[in-house]
């Protein structure tokens, strides 16, 4: 785990498997104990959205549901 400019520990972010790098729609995800973080690859300094595990799994289920605007249905 790296350190930010102000010395805080940085989460091990990875590019989302649904990111579209050539379309400017890149997200990074970090899986931490009990929390999942999402941030914009192009604007990392804006911070990250944090989801507790139950929220994260509910979000993924909603995005994968038929009729959603999620990455598999968009």
Protein backbone atom coordinates (compact mmCIF):
# COMPACT_ATOMS: atom_id res chain seq x y z
CA UNK A 1 0.00 0.00 0.00
CA UNK A 2 1.47 3.36 -1.03
CA UNK A 3 1.27 6.76 0.63
CA UNK A 4 -0.49 9.90 -0.57
CA UNK A 5 1.23 13.28 -0.70
CA UNK A 6 -0.02 14.08 2.81
CA UNK A 7 1.32 10.79 4.22
CA UNK A 8 -1.98 8.90 4.45
CA UNK A 9 -2.00 5.27 3.39
CA UNK A 10 -3.49 4.72 -0.05
CA UNK A 11 -5.76 1.82 -0.86
CA UNK A 12 -4.63 -0.67 -3.53
CA UNK A 13 -6.91 0.54 -6.34
CA UNK A 14 -7.32 -1.43 -9.58
CA UNK A 15 -9.09 -0.53 -12.79
CA UNK A 16 -12.67 -1.74 -12.97
CA UNK A 17 -13.20 -4.55 -15.47
CA UNK A 18 -16.01 -2.46 -16.99
CA UNK A 19 -13.93 0.69 -17.52
CA UNK A 20 -13.75 2.02 -21.05
CA UNK A 21 -10.29 3.65 -21.24
CA UNK A 22 -10.70 4.88 -24.81
CA UNK A 23 -14.02 6.55 -23.97
CA UNK A 24 -12.83 8.42 -20.87
CA UNK A 25 -15.01 6.37 -18.53
CA UNK A 26 -12.47 4.78 -16.21
CA UNK A 27 -13.18 3.79 -12.63
CA UNK A 28 -10.87 2.27 -10.08
CA UNK A 29 -11.99 -0.01 -7.28
CA UNK A 30 -10.29 -0.95 -4.01
CA UNK A 31 -11.51 -3.86 -1.91
CA UNK A 32 -10.71 -3.25 1.75
CA UNK A 33 -11.82 -5.15 4.85
CA UNK A 34 -15.57 -4.49 5.07
CA UNK A 35 -15.46 -1.52 2.64
CA UNK A 36 -15.23 -1.04 -1.11
CA UNK A 37 -13.98 2.24 -2.59
CA UNK A 38 -14.64 3.62 -6.09
CA UNK A 39 -12.89 6.58 -7.66
CA UNK A 40 -12.58 8.30 -11.03
CA UNK A 41 -9.27 7.42 -12.65
CA UNK A 42 -9.00 10.85 -14.28
CA UNK A 43 -9.81 12.75 -11.07
CA UNK A 44 -8.21 10.79 -8.24
CA UNK A 45 -7.78 13.89 -6.07
CA UNK A 46 -11.58 14.17 -5.79
CA UNK A 47 -11.54 11.22 -3.41
CA UNK A 48 -13.54 8.02 -3.47
CA UNK A 49 -17.03 6.80 -2.74
CA UNK A 50 -17.05 4.23 0.05
CA UNK A 51 -19.55 1.39 0.30
CA UNK A 52 -19.88 -1.09 3.16
CA UNK A 53 -20.02 -4.66 1.86
CA UNK A 54 -23.83 -4.95 2.02
CA UNK A 55 -24.25 -1.72 0.03
CA UNK A 56 -21.62 -2.81 -2.49
CA UNK A 57 -23.29 -6.15 -3.15
CA UNK A 58 -26.72 -4.48 -3.43
CA UNK A 59 -25.29 -1.99 -5.96
CA UNK A 60 -23.74 -4.76 -8.06
CA UNK A 61 -26.98 -6.77 -7.98
CA UNK A 62 -28.98 -3.73 -9.11
CA UNK A 63 -26.55 -3.02 -11.95
CA UNK A 64 -26.70 -6.62 -13.11
CA UNK A 65 -30.49 -6.84 -12.97
CA UNK A 66 -32.39 -7.13 -16.27
CA UNK A 67 -33.59 -3.72 -17.41
CA UNK A 68 -30.88 -1.81 -15.56
CA UNK A 69 -28.56 0.65 -17.22
CA UNK A 70 -25.58 -1.27 -15.85
CA UNK A 71 -22.51 -2.20 -17.89
CA UNK A 72 -23.95 -5.55 -18.99
CA UNK A 73 -27.22 -4.02 -20.13
CA UNK A 74 -26.36 -0.49 -21.30
